[in-house]
Amino acid sequence: MALALLILGIGSSPLFAKPIVKTLTTDEDSESVSPTPTPTVSRTWILGLGGAVDLPVQNWNPVYSIGYGTKLEMSSNIDAHWIVGLGLSYFHFQGVNFSGQVTNDDLRILPMARFFPGEGKFSPYLTGGAGLAVQFASALGGTVTNLNPDVFGGAGLEMRLASQETIFVEAHYNLILAGSALGQDTVLLGGLRSGF
């Protein structure tokens, strides 16, 4: 479904990039007015909030089949095609193994970027970033905390609701280096972004 929406929206751009401002210059020696475009994009801050599911793929505890979480992000456009920012995600995994109930709580702190190739009501984008995953693994009444490098890449689609408000869906592949093991998972998320 998300892939179909992404394909339908090819050729659109960031919904939060304010319109290009064009200035007019007047030749004092003549009565004609000639437009001289001066492309400028005003900076917009964007607050995003969404819900997510995390599907472990490889090198995860096999009792964790799915994780549930949320994502908060603050970002800003740097030009008509690029948005950069910081995302904070939280995911909770739980299951039961031979020792009883086990849980894993991930706090992911990821500087990220989004690239929008075009312009329209529907705006597909590519996204990626790198940062840290703080993992709290609990079993038998004890908790172990790990700080691991984390990178992701993926794609998404925004749909405009108002001049600076969109809903979005996004999917990305995530890699967490935990010691010598490379944990891999797929994250599916959706939510609301609002500019100010």
N, C-alpha and C. Protein backbone atom coordinates (compact mmCIF):
# COMPACT_ATOMS: atom_id res chain seq x y z
N MET A 1 0.83 -1.20 0.00
CA MET A 1 0.00 0.00 0.00
C MET A 1 0.86 1.26 0.00
N ALA A 2 1.86 1.29 0.93
CA ALA A 2 2.74 2.46 1.00
C ALA A 2 3.53 2.59 -0.28
N LEU A 3 3.96 1.44 -0.88
CA LEU A 3 4.72 1.48 -2.12
C LEU A 3 3.86 2.02 -3.24
N ALA A 4 2.57 1.61 -3.29
CA ALA A 4 1.67 2.12 -4.32
C ALA A 4 1.49 3.62 -4.19
N LEU A 5 1.33 4.10 -2.96
CA LEU A 5 1.21 5.55 -2.75
C LEU A 5 2.48 6.27 -3.16
N LEU A 6 3.62 5.65 -2.89
CA LEU A 6 4.90 6.26 -3.25
C LEU A 6 5.02 6.39 -4.75
N ILE A 7 4.64 5.33 -5.49
CA ILE A 7 4.73 5.35 -6.95
C ILE A 7 3.78 6.39 -7.54
N LEU A 8 2.55 6.48 -6.98
CA LEU A 8 1.59 7.47 -7.48
C LEU A 8 2.06 8.90 -7.28
N GLY A 9 2.88 9.13 -6.28
CA GLY A 9 3.27 10.50 -5.97
C GLY A 9 4.58 10.93 -6.57
N ILE A 10 5.21 10.10 -7.43
CA ILE A 10 6.50 10.47 -8.01
C ILE A 10 6.38 11.82 -8.72
N GLY A 11 7.36 12.66 -8.49
CA GLY A 11 7.38 13.97 -9.13
C GLY A 11 6.84 15.07 -8.23
N SER A 12 6.94 14.91 -6.93
CA SER A 12 6.50 15.97 -6.04
C SER A 12 7.61 16.42 -5.11
N SER A 13 7.36 17.50 -4.27
CA SER A 13 8.45 18.09 -3.48
C SER A 13 8.07 18.40 -2.05
N PRO A 14 9.02 18.94 -1.26
CA PRO A 14 8.71 19.12 0.15
C PRO A 14 7.54 20.06 0.33
N LEU A 15 6.64 19.63 1.15
CA LEU A 15 5.44 20.42 1.37
C LEU A 15 5.70 21.63 2.25
N PHE A 16 6.83 21.64 2.94
CA PHE A 16 7.09 22.72 3.86
C PHE A 16 8.01 23.79 3.27
N ALA A 17 8.53 23.58 2.07
CA ALA A 17 9.35 24.61 1.46
C ALA A 17 8.42 25.74 1.03
N LYS A 18 8.65 26.90 1.57
CA LYS A 18 7.79 28.04 1.22
C LYS A 18 8.04 28.41 -0.24
N PRO A 19 7.06 29.03 -0.91
CA PRO A 19 7.18 29.28 -2.35
C PRO A 19 8.39 30.16 -2.69
N ILE A 20 8.87 29.96 -3.90
CA ILE A 20 9.97 30.79 -4.40
C ILE A 20 9.46 32.21 -4.58
N VAL A 21 10.23 33.16 -4.09
CA VAL A 21 9.86 34.56 -4.17
C VAL A 21 10.52 35.16 -5.40
N LYS A 22 9.72 35.83 -6.27
CA LYS A 22 10.27 36.47 -7.46
C LYS A 22 10.21 37.97 -7.29
N THR A 23 11.30 38.64 -7.65
CA THR A 23 11.33 40.09 -7.55
C THR A 23 11.30 40.69 -8.94
N LEU A 24 10.80 41.92 -9.05
CA LEU A 24 10.74 42.62 -10.33
C LEU A 24 11.75 43.75 -10.33
N THR A 25 12.44 43.90 -11.46
CA THR A 25 13.37 45.02 -11.60
C THR A 25 12.84 45.95 -12.69
N THR A 26 13.01 47.24 -12.49
CA THR A 26 12.52 48.23 -13.44
C THR A 26 13.70 48.95 -14.06
N ASP A 27 13.69 49.02 -15.37
CA ASP A 27 14.72 49.78 -16.08
C ASP A 27 14.25 51.24 -16.11
N GLU A 28 15.00 52.12 -15.43
CA GLU A 28 14.58 53.53 -15.30
C GLU A 28 14.52 54.24 -16.64
N ASP A 29 15.29 53.78 -17.64
CA ASP A 29 15.31 54.45 -18.95
C ASP A 29 14.13 54.04 -19.82
N SER A 30 13.39 53.03 -19.43
CA SER A 30 12.25 52.62 -20.24
C SER A 30 11.06 52.36 -19.33
N GLU A 31 9.91 52.21 -19.95
CA GLU A 31 8.69 51.97 -19.18
C GLU A 31 8.45 50.48 -18.95
N SER A 32 9.29 49.62 -19.51
CA SER A 32 9.05 48.18 -19.40
C SER A 32 9.52 47.65 -18.04
N VAL A 33 8.84 46.64 -17.60
CA VAL A 33 9.20 45.96 -16.36
C VAL A 33 9.56 44.53 -16.71
N SER A 34 10.77 44.12 -16.37
CA SER A 34 11.19 42.76 -16.70
C SER A 34 11.35 41.93 -15.42
N PRO A 35 10.71 40.75 -15.38
CA PRO A 35 10.84 39.92 -14.19
C PRO A 35 12.22 39.28 -14.12
N THR A 36 12.82 39.35 -12.96
CA THR A 36 14.11 38.69 -12.72
C THR A 36 13.92 37.76 -11.52
N PRO A 37 13.80 36.44 -11.78
CA PRO A 37 13.55 35.54 -10.67
C PRO A 37 14.75 35.48 -9.72
N THR A 38 14.47 35.59 -8.45
CA THR A 38 15.49 35.43 -7.42
C THR A 38 15.04 34.29 -6.51
N PRO A 39 15.53 33.06 -6.76
CA PRO A 39 15.03 31.94 -5.98
C PRO A 39 15.52 32.01 -4.53
N THR A 40 14.58 32.07 -3.61
CA THR A 40 14.90 32.00 -2.19
C THR A 40 13.83 31.15 -1.51
N VAL A 41 14.24 30.35 -0.56
CA VAL A 41 13.30 29.53 0.19
C VAL A 41 13.41 29.94 1.64
N SER A 42 12.30 30.37 2.22
CA SER A 42 12.30 30.76 3.62
C SER A 42 12.45 29.53 4.50
N ARG A 43 13.18 29.68 5.59
CA ARG A 43 13.37 28.57 6.52
C ARG A 43 12.09 28.31 7.28
N THR A 44 11.71 27.04 7.37
CA THR A 44 10.55 26.61 8.12
C THR A 44 10.98 25.53 9.10
N TRP A 45 10.52 25.61 10.33
CA TRP A 45 10.75 24.56 11.31
C TRP A 45 9.57 23.60 11.25
N ILE A 46 9.86 22.31 11.40
CA ILE A 46 8.85 21.27 11.26
C ILE A 46 8.89 20.36 12.48
N LEU A 47 7.74 20.17 13.09
CA LEU A 47 7.61 19.25 14.21
C LEU A 47 6.81 18.05 13.73
N GLY A 48 7.36 16.85 13.95
CA GLY A 48 6.68 15.64 13.51
C GLY A 48 6.47 14.68 14.67
N LEU A 49 5.34 13.96 14.63
CA LEU A 49 5.04 12.96 15.64
C LEU A 49 4.32 11.80 14.96
N GLY A 50 4.75 10.58 15.27
CA GLY A 50 4.13 9.43 14.64
C GLY A 50 4.22 8.18 15.47
N GLY A 51 3.45 7.18 15.08
CA GLY A 51 3.50 5.86 15.68
C GLY A 51 4.22 4.91 14.74
N ALA A 52 4.77 3.82 15.29
CA ALA A 52 5.59 2.94 14.46
C ALA A 52 5.53 1.50 14.95
N VAL A 53 5.82 0.60 14.02
CA VAL A 53 6.08 -0.80 14.36
C VAL A 53 7.47 -1.14 13.84
N ASP A 54 8.16 -2.01 14.57
CA ASP A 54 9.52 -2.41 14.22
C ASP A 54 9.52 -3.93 14.06
N LEU A 55 9.94 -4.39 12.90
CA LEU A 55 9.97 -5.82 12.60
C LEU A 55 11.42 -6.30 12.55
N PRO A 56 11.87 -7.03 13.59
CA PRO A 56 13.24 -7.55 13.58
C PRO A 56 13.45 -8.50 12.39
N VAL A 57 14.61 -8.39 11.74
CA VAL A 57 14.92 -9.19 10.56
C VAL A 57 16.04 -10.18 10.85
N GLN A 58 17.14 -9.69 11.42
CA GLN A 58 18.30 -10.56 11.61
C GLN A 58 19.08 -10.14 12.85
N ASN A 59 19.64 -11.14 13.56
CA ASN A 59 20.47 -10.95 14.75
C ASN A 59 19.73 -10.27 15.90
N TRP A 60 18.46 -10.62 16.07
CA TRP A 60 17.67 -10.18 17.21
C TRP A 60 17.31 -11.42 18.02
N ASN A 61 16.99 -11.22 19.29
CA ASN A 61 16.48 -12.32 20.09
C ASN A 61 15.24 -12.87 19.40
N PRO A 62 15.18 -14.19 19.11
CA PRO A 62 14.05 -14.73 18.34
C PRO A 62 12.69 -14.58 19.01
N VAL A 63 12.64 -14.28 20.31
CA VAL A 63 11.33 -14.10 20.96
C VAL A 63 10.72 -12.74 20.62
N TYR A 64 11.51 -11.83 20.03
CA TYR A 64 10.99 -10.51 19.65
C TYR A 64 10.51 -10.58 18.20
N SER A 65 9.20 -10.71 18.02
CA SER A 65 8.68 -10.77 16.66
C SER A 65 8.27 -9.40 16.14
N ILE A 66 7.92 -8.49 17.06
CA ILE A 66 7.50 -7.14 16.66
C ILE A 66 7.72 -6.19 17.83
N GLY A 67 8.06 -4.96 17.51
CA GLY A 67 8.18 -3.92 18.52
C GLY A 67 7.23 -2.78 18.19
N TYR A 68 6.74 -2.11 19.21
CA TYR A 68 5.83 -0.98 19.02
C TYR A 68 6.49 0.28 19.57
N GLY A 69 6.24 1.41 18.92
CA GLY A 69 6.88 2.61 19.40
C GLY A 69 6.32 3.88 18.83
N THR A 70 7.09 4.94 19.02
CA THR A 70 6.70 6.27 18.57
C THR A 70 7.95 7.03 18.14
N LYS A 71 7.73 8.08 17.37
CA LYS A 71 8.85 8.90 16.90
C LYS A 71 8.48 10.37 17.01
N LEU A 72 9.41 11.16 17.54
CA LEU A 72 9.29 12.61 17.62
C LEU A 72 10.46 13.19 16.85
N GLU A 73 10.20 14.18 16.01
CA GLU A 73 11.30 14.78 15.24
C GLU A 73 11.13 16.28 15.13
N MET A 74 12.27 16.96 15.06
CA MET A 74 12.32 18.40 14.81
C MET A 74 13.26 18.57 13.63
N SER A 75 12.78 19.27 12.60
CA SER A 75 13.60 19.42 11.39
C SER A 75 13.37 20.80 10.77
N SER A 76 14.16 21.08 9.74
CA SER A 76 14.04 22.35 9.03
C SER A 76 14.51 22.17 7.60
N ASN A 77 13.87 22.90 6.68
CA ASN A 77 14.33 22.85 5.29
C ASN A 77 15.60 23.69 5.12
N ILE A 78 16.53 23.17 4.32
CA ILE A 78 17.73 23.96 4.02
C ILE A 78 17.69 24.51 2.59
N ASP A 79 16.86 23.92 1.75
CA ASP A 79 16.56 24.47 0.42
C ASP A 79 15.26 23.84 -0.05
N ALA A 80 14.95 23.96 -1.34
CA ALA A 80 13.67 23.49 -1.85
C ALA A 80 13.56 21.97 -1.88
N HIS A 81 14.68 21.25 -1.73
CA HIS A 81 14.65 19.79 -1.83
C HIS A 81 15.10 19.05 -0.57
N TRP A 82 15.83 19.71 0.31
CA TRP A 82 16.42 19.02 1.46
C TRP A 82 15.86 19.52 2.78
N ILE A 83 15.59 18.56 3.66
CA ILE A 83 15.19 18.84 5.04
C ILE A 83 16.13 18.04 5.95
N VAL A 84 16.66 18.68 6.98
CA VAL A 84 17.53 18.00 7.94
C VAL A 84 16.97 18.19 9.35
N GLY A 85 17.27 17.25 10.23
CA GLY A 85 16.75 17.38 11.58
C GLY A 85 17.24 16.28 12.50
N LEU A 86 16.55 16.15 13.62
CA LEU A 86 16.88 15.16 14.64
C LEU A 86 15.62 14.38 14.98
N GLY A 87 15.74 13.05 14.95
CA GLY A 87 14.61 12.19 15.30
C GLY A 87 14.91 11.42 16.58
N LEU A 88 13.91 11.32 17.44
CA LEU A 88 13.99 10.52 18.66
C LEU A 88 12.90 9.45 18.57
N SER A 89 13.31 8.19 18.61
CA SER A 89 12.35 7.09 18.53
C SER A 89 12.46 6.21 19.76
N TYR A 90 11.32 5.65 20.16
CA TYR A 90 11.30 4.69 21.27
C TYR A 90 10.54 3.45 20.80
N PHE A 91 11.14 2.27 21.04
CA PHE A 91 10.50 1.00 20.69
C PHE A 91 10.56 0.05 21.87
N HIS A 92 9.47 -0.70 22.05
CA HIS A 92 9.40 -1.70 23.13
C HIS A 92 9.18 -3.08 22.51
N PHE A 93 10.05 -4.02 22.89
CA PHE A 93 9.93 -5.41 22.45
C PHE A 93 9.78 -6.27 23.70
N GLN A 94 8.98 -7.34 23.60
CA GLN A 94 8.89 -8.26 24.73
C GLN A 94 8.57 -9.66 24.23
N GLY A 95 8.95 -10.64 25.04
CA GLY A 95 8.69 -12.03 24.70
C GLY A 95 9.01 -12.90 25.90
N VAL A 96 8.90 -14.21 25.70
CA VAL A 96 9.17 -15.17 26.76
C VAL A 96 10.16 -16.20 26.24
N ASN A 97 11.22 -16.45 27.01
CA ASN A 97 12.16 -17.52 26.67
C ASN A 97 12.28 -18.47 27.86
N PHE A 98 13.31 -19.31 27.88
CA PHE A 98 13.46 -20.32 28.93
C PHE A 98 13.58 -19.71 30.33
N SER A 99 14.03 -18.46 30.43
CA SER A 99 14.21 -17.84 31.75
C SER A 99 13.00 -17.04 32.19
N GLY A 100 12.00 -16.92 31.34
CA GLY A 100 10.82 -16.14 31.66
C GLY A 100 10.66 -14.96 30.71
N GLN A 101 10.00 -13.91 31.19
CA GLN A 101 9.75 -12.76 30.34
C GLN A 101 11.02 -11.93 30.13
N VAL A 102 11.26 -11.54 28.88
CA VAL A 102 12.39 -10.69 28.54
C VAL A 102 11.85 -9.49 27.76
N THR A 103 12.50 -8.35 27.94
CA THR A 103 12.10 -7.14 27.22
C THR A 103 13.32 -6.42 26.69
N ASN A 104 13.09 -5.63 25.69
CA ASN A 104 14.14 -4.77 25.14
C ASN A 104 13.50 -3.43 24.81
N ASP A 105 14.01 -2.35 25.39
CA ASP A 105 13.53 -1.01 25.10
C ASP A 105 14.63 -0.24 24.41
N ASP A 106 14.31 0.29 23.24
CA ASP A 106 15.29 1.04 22.42
C ASP A 106 14.92 2.51 22.40
N LEU A 107 15.89 3.36 22.69
CA LEU A 107 15.77 4.80 22.47
C LEU A 107 16.78 5.13 21.37
N ARG A 108 16.29 5.55 20.22
CA ARG A 108 17.15 5.83 19.07
C ARG A 108 17.23 7.33 18.84
N ILE A 109 18.45 7.83 18.82
CA ILE A 109 18.72 9.26 18.64
C ILE A 109 19.43 9.40 17.30
N LEU A 110 18.70 9.88 16.29
CA LEU A 110 19.20 9.82 14.92
C LEU A 110 19.09 11.15 14.19
N PRO A 111 20.21 11.86 13.99
CA PRO A 111 20.20 12.96 13.03
C PRO A 111 19.83 12.39 11.66
N MET A 112 19.01 13.10 10.91
CA MET A 112 18.51 12.54 9.66
C MET A 112 18.33 13.63 8.61
N ALA A 113 18.14 13.15 7.38
CA ALA A 113 17.88 14.05 6.25
C ALA A 113 16.79 13.44 5.38
N ARG A 114 16.02 14.31 4.72
CA ARG A 114 15.04 13.86 3.74
C ARG A 114 15.28 14.63 2.44
N PHE A 115 15.19 13.91 1.31
CA PHE A 115 15.35 14.53 0.00
C PHE A 115 14.05 14.36 -0.79
N PHE A 116 13.51 15.49 -1.26
CA PHE A 116 12.29 15.51 -2.05
C PHE A 116 12.67 15.86 -3.49
N PRO A 117 12.44 14.96 -4.46
CA PRO A 117 12.89 15.24 -5.83
C PRO A 117 12.03 16.22 -6.62
N GLY A 118 10.76 16.39 -6.28
CA GLY A 118 9.89 17.23 -7.11
C GLY A 118 8.87 18.00 -6.29
N GLU A 119 7.69 18.27 -6.89
CA GLU A 119 6.70 19.16 -6.28
C GLU A 119 5.28 18.68 -6.55
N GLY A 120 4.39 18.79 -5.55
CA GLY A 120 2.99 18.42 -5.73
C GLY A 120 2.27 18.20 -4.41
N LYS A 121 0.98 17.85 -4.49
CA LYS A 121 0.19 17.58 -3.29
C LYS A 121 0.72 16.34 -2.57
N PHE A 122 1.14 15.34 -3.33
CA PHE A 122 1.76 14.15 -2.78
C PHE A 122 3.27 14.26 -3.01
N SER A 123 4.04 14.11 -1.96
CA SER A 123 5.49 14.30 -2.05
C SER A 123 6.25 13.06 -1.58
N PRO A 124 6.75 12.24 -2.51
CA PRO A 124 7.61 11.13 -2.10
C PRO A 124 8.98 11.67 -1.72
N TYR A 125 9.68 10.94 -0.87
CA TYR A 125 11.01 11.38 -0.45
C TYR A 125 11.87 10.18 -0.09
N LEU A 126 13.17 10.43 -0.11
CA LEU A 126 14.16 9.47 0.39
C LEU A 126 14.66 10.00 1.72
N THR A 127 14.99 9.10 2.62
CA THR A 127 15.45 9.52 3.94
C THR A 127 16.57 8.62 4.43
N GLY A 128 17.40 9.16 5.31
CA GLY A 128 18.48 8.38 5.91
C GLY A 128 19.10 9.14 7.05
N GLY A 129 19.86 8.43 7.86
CA GLY A 129 20.51 9.08 8.99
C GLY A 129 21.37 8.11 9.76
N ALA A 130 22.10 8.64 10.72
CA ALA A 130 22.99 7.83 11.56
C ALA A 130 23.06 8.45 12.95
N GLY A 131 23.16 7.60 13.95
CA GLY A 131 23.23 8.09 15.31
C GLY A 131 23.48 6.96 16.29
N LEU A 132 22.72 6.96 17.39
CA LEU A 132 22.92 5.98 18.45
C LEU A 132 21.61 5.32 18.84
N ALA A 133 21.72 4.05 19.22
CA ALA A 133 20.60 3.32 19.81
C ALA A 133 20.99 2.98 21.25
N VAL A 134 20.22 3.48 22.20
CA VAL A 134 20.43 3.13 23.61
C VAL A 134 19.44 2.00 23.90
N GLN A 135 19.98 0.80 24.19
CA GLN A 135 19.14 -0.37 24.36
C GLN A 135 19.17 -0.85 25.82
N PHE A 136 17.97 -1.06 26.36
CA PHE A 136 17.82 -1.54 27.73
C PHE A 136 17.22 -2.94 27.66
N ALA A 137 18.06 -3.97 27.82
CA ALA A 137 17.61 -5.36 27.77
C ALA A 137 17.39 -5.88 29.19
N SER A 138 16.18 -6.40 29.44
CA SER A 138 15.84 -6.87 30.79
C SER A 138 15.46 -8.34 30.78
N ALA A 139 15.98 -9.07 31.76
CA ALA A 139 15.64 -10.48 31.97
C ALA A 139 15.98 -10.85 33.40
N LEU A 140 15.18 -11.73 34.01
CA LEU A 140 15.43 -12.22 35.38
C LEU A 140 15.61 -11.08 36.38
N GLY A 141 14.87 -10.00 36.21
CA GLY A 141 14.93 -8.90 37.17
C GLY A 141 16.10 -7.96 37.01
N GLY A 142 16.99 -8.21 36.04
CA GLY A 142 18.14 -7.33 35.80
C GLY A 142 18.04 -6.65 34.45
N THR A 143 18.67 -5.49 34.35
CA THR A 143 18.66 -4.74 33.10
C THR A 143 20.09 -4.41 32.69
N VAL A 144 20.39 -4.65 31.42
CA VAL A 144 21.69 -4.32 30.85
C VAL A 144 21.49 -3.21 29.83
N THR A 145 22.30 -2.15 29.94
CA THR A 145 22.20 -1.02 29.02
C THR A 145 23.36 -1.06 28.03
N ASN A 146 23.03 -0.91 26.74
CA ASN A 146 24.04 -0.88 25.68
C ASN A 146 23.86 0.37 24.84
N LEU A 147 24.97 0.94 24.43
CA LEU A 147 24.98 2.11 23.54
C LEU A 147 25.60 1.66 22.23
N ASN A 148 24.80 1.63 21.15
CA ASN A 148 25.25 1.06 19.88
C ASN A 148 25.07 2.03 18.72
N PRO A 149 26.00 2.01 17.74
CA PRO A 149 25.81 2.82 16.53
C PRO A 149 24.58 2.33 15.75
N ASP A 150 23.89 3.26 15.11
CA ASP A 150 22.64 2.97 14.43
C ASP A 150 22.58 3.79 13.14
N VAL A 151 22.27 3.15 12.01
CA VAL A 151 22.08 3.86 10.74
C VAL A 151 20.80 3.35 10.08
N PHE A 152 20.18 4.21 9.26
CA PHE A 152 18.97 3.78 8.55
C PHE A 152 18.89 4.47 7.20
N GLY A 153 18.11 3.86 6.31
CA GLY A 153 17.80 4.45 5.01
C GLY A 153 16.44 3.95 4.57
N GLY A 154 15.71 4.80 3.87
CA GLY A 154 14.38 4.38 3.43
C GLY A 154 13.69 5.41 2.56
N ALA A 155 12.37 5.30 2.49
CA ALA A 155 11.57 6.19 1.66
C ALA A 155 10.24 6.44 2.32
N GLY A 156 9.60 7.53 1.92
CA GLY A 156 8.30 7.86 2.49
C GLY A 156 7.47 8.69 1.54
N LEU A 157 6.30 9.06 2.01
CA LEU A 157 5.37 9.86 1.22
C LEU A 157 4.63 10.80 2.15
N GLU A 158 4.60 12.09 1.80
CA GLU A 158 3.82 13.08 2.54
C GLU A 158 2.61 13.49 1.69
N MET A 159 1.49 13.73 2.36
CA MET A 159 0.31 14.26 1.69
C MET A 159 -0.13 15.52 2.43
N ARG A 160 -0.28 16.61 1.68
CA ARG A 160 -0.63 17.89 2.27
C ARG A 160 -2.08 17.91 2.76
N LEU A 161 -2.26 18.38 4.00
CA LEU A 161 -3.59 18.60 4.56
C LEU A 161 -3.94 20.08 4.56
N ALA A 162 -2.92 20.92 4.84
CA ALA A 162 -3.07 22.37 4.87
C ALA A 162 -1.74 22.95 4.39
N SER A 163 -1.61 24.28 4.41
CA SER A 163 -0.42 24.90 3.83
C SER A 163 0.87 24.41 4.47
N GLN A 164 0.89 24.16 5.78
CA GLN A 164 2.10 23.66 6.43
C GLN A 164 1.80 22.47 7.33
N GLU A 165 0.90 21.62 6.88
CA GLU A 165 0.55 20.44 7.66
C GLU A 165 0.40 19.25 6.73
N THR A 166 1.07 18.14 7.07
CA THR A 166 1.00 16.94 6.25
C THR A 166 0.82 15.71 7.13
N ILE A 167 0.30 14.64 6.50
CA ILE A 167 0.40 13.32 7.09
C ILE A 167 1.47 12.58 6.30
N PHE A 168 2.10 11.61 6.93
CA PHE A 168 3.16 10.90 6.24
C PHE A 168 3.13 9.42 6.57
N VAL A 169 3.66 8.62 5.64
CA VAL A 169 3.96 7.21 5.86
C VAL A 169 5.42 7.02 5.44
N GLU A 170 6.11 6.13 6.13
CA GLU A 170 7.54 5.95 5.86
C GLU A 170 7.94 4.52 6.20
N ALA A 171 8.85 3.99 5.44
CA ALA A 171 9.44 2.67 5.73
C ALA A 171 10.95 2.80 5.60
N HIS A 172 11.67 2.24 6.56
CA HIS A 172 13.12 2.25 6.41
C HIS A 172 13.75 0.99 7.00
N TYR A 173 14.94 0.72 6.51
CA TYR A 173 15.73 -0.43 6.97
C TYR A 173 16.77 0.11 7.93
N ASN A 174 16.89 -0.56 9.07
CA ASN A 174 17.71 -0.07 10.17
C ASN A 174 18.82 -1.07 10.49
N LEU A 175 20.02 -0.57 10.74
CA LEU A 175 21.16 -1.42 11.12
C LEU A 175 21.72 -0.94 12.45
N ILE A 176 21.81 -1.85 13.43
CA ILE A 176 22.36 -1.52 14.74
C ILE A 176 23.55 -2.45 14.99
N LEU A 177 24.73 -1.86 15.19
CA LEU A 177 25.93 -2.65 15.45
C LEU A 177 26.05 -2.86 16.95
N ALA A 178 25.75 -4.09 17.40
CA ALA A 178 25.80 -4.44 18.82
C ALA A 178 26.96 -5.42 19.02
N GLY A 179 28.12 -4.88 19.41
CA GLY A 179 29.31 -5.72 19.53
C GLY A 179 29.73 -6.20 18.16
N SER A 180 29.81 -7.54 17.99
CA SER A 180 30.18 -8.10 16.69
C SER A 180 28.95 -8.46 15.86
N ALA A 181 27.75 -8.26 16.40
CA ALA A 181 26.51 -8.61 15.68
C ALA A 181 25.90 -7.36 15.05
N LEU A 182 25.44 -7.53 13.82
CA LEU A 182 24.77 -6.43 13.12
C LEU A 182 23.27 -6.72 13.11
N GLY A 183 22.54 -6.09 14.03
CA GLY A 183 21.10 -6.25 14.09
C GLY A 183 20.43 -5.50 12.96
N GLN A 184 19.47 -6.15 12.31
CA GLN A 184 18.78 -5.54 11.19
C GLN A 184 17.27 -5.60 11.44
N ASP A 185 16.59 -4.51 11.14
CA ASP A 185 15.15 -4.46 11.33
C ASP A 185 14.51 -3.48 10.36
N THR A 186 13.23 -3.67 10.14
CA THR A 186 12.45 -2.81 9.26
C THR A 186 11.46 -2.01 10.10
N VAL A 187 11.43 -0.70 9.89
CA VAL A 187 10.54 0.18 10.65
C VAL A 187 9.48 0.75 9.71
N LEU A 188 8.23 0.64 10.11
CA LEU A 188 7.10 1.21 9.38
C LEU A 188 6.45 2.25 10.28
N LEU A 189 6.30 3.47 9.79
CA LEU A 189 5.73 4.51 10.64
C LEU A 189 4.84 5.45 9.86
N GLY A 190 3.99 6.15 10.60
CA GLY A 190 3.10 7.13 10.00
C GLY A 190 2.73 8.15 11.06
N GLY A 191 2.37 9.35 10.61
CA GLY A 191 2.02 10.38 11.57
C GLY A 191 1.74 11.71 10.91
N LEU A 192 1.98 12.77 11.68
CA LEU A 192 1.64 14.13 11.27
C LEU A 192 2.88 15.01 11.40
N ARG A 193 3.09 15.90 10.41
CA ARG A 193 4.15 16.91 10.48
C ARG A 193 3.51 18.28 10.32
N SER A 194 3.97 19.22 11.13
CA SER A 194 3.41 20.56 11.09
C SER A 194 4.52 21.60 11.10
N GLY A 195 4.46 22.56 10.19
CA GLY A 195 5.47 23.60 10.09
C GLY A 195 5.09 24.84 10.89
N PHE A 196 6.10 25.57 11.32
CA PHE A 196 5.85 26.84 12.03
C PHE A 196 7.01 27.79 11.81
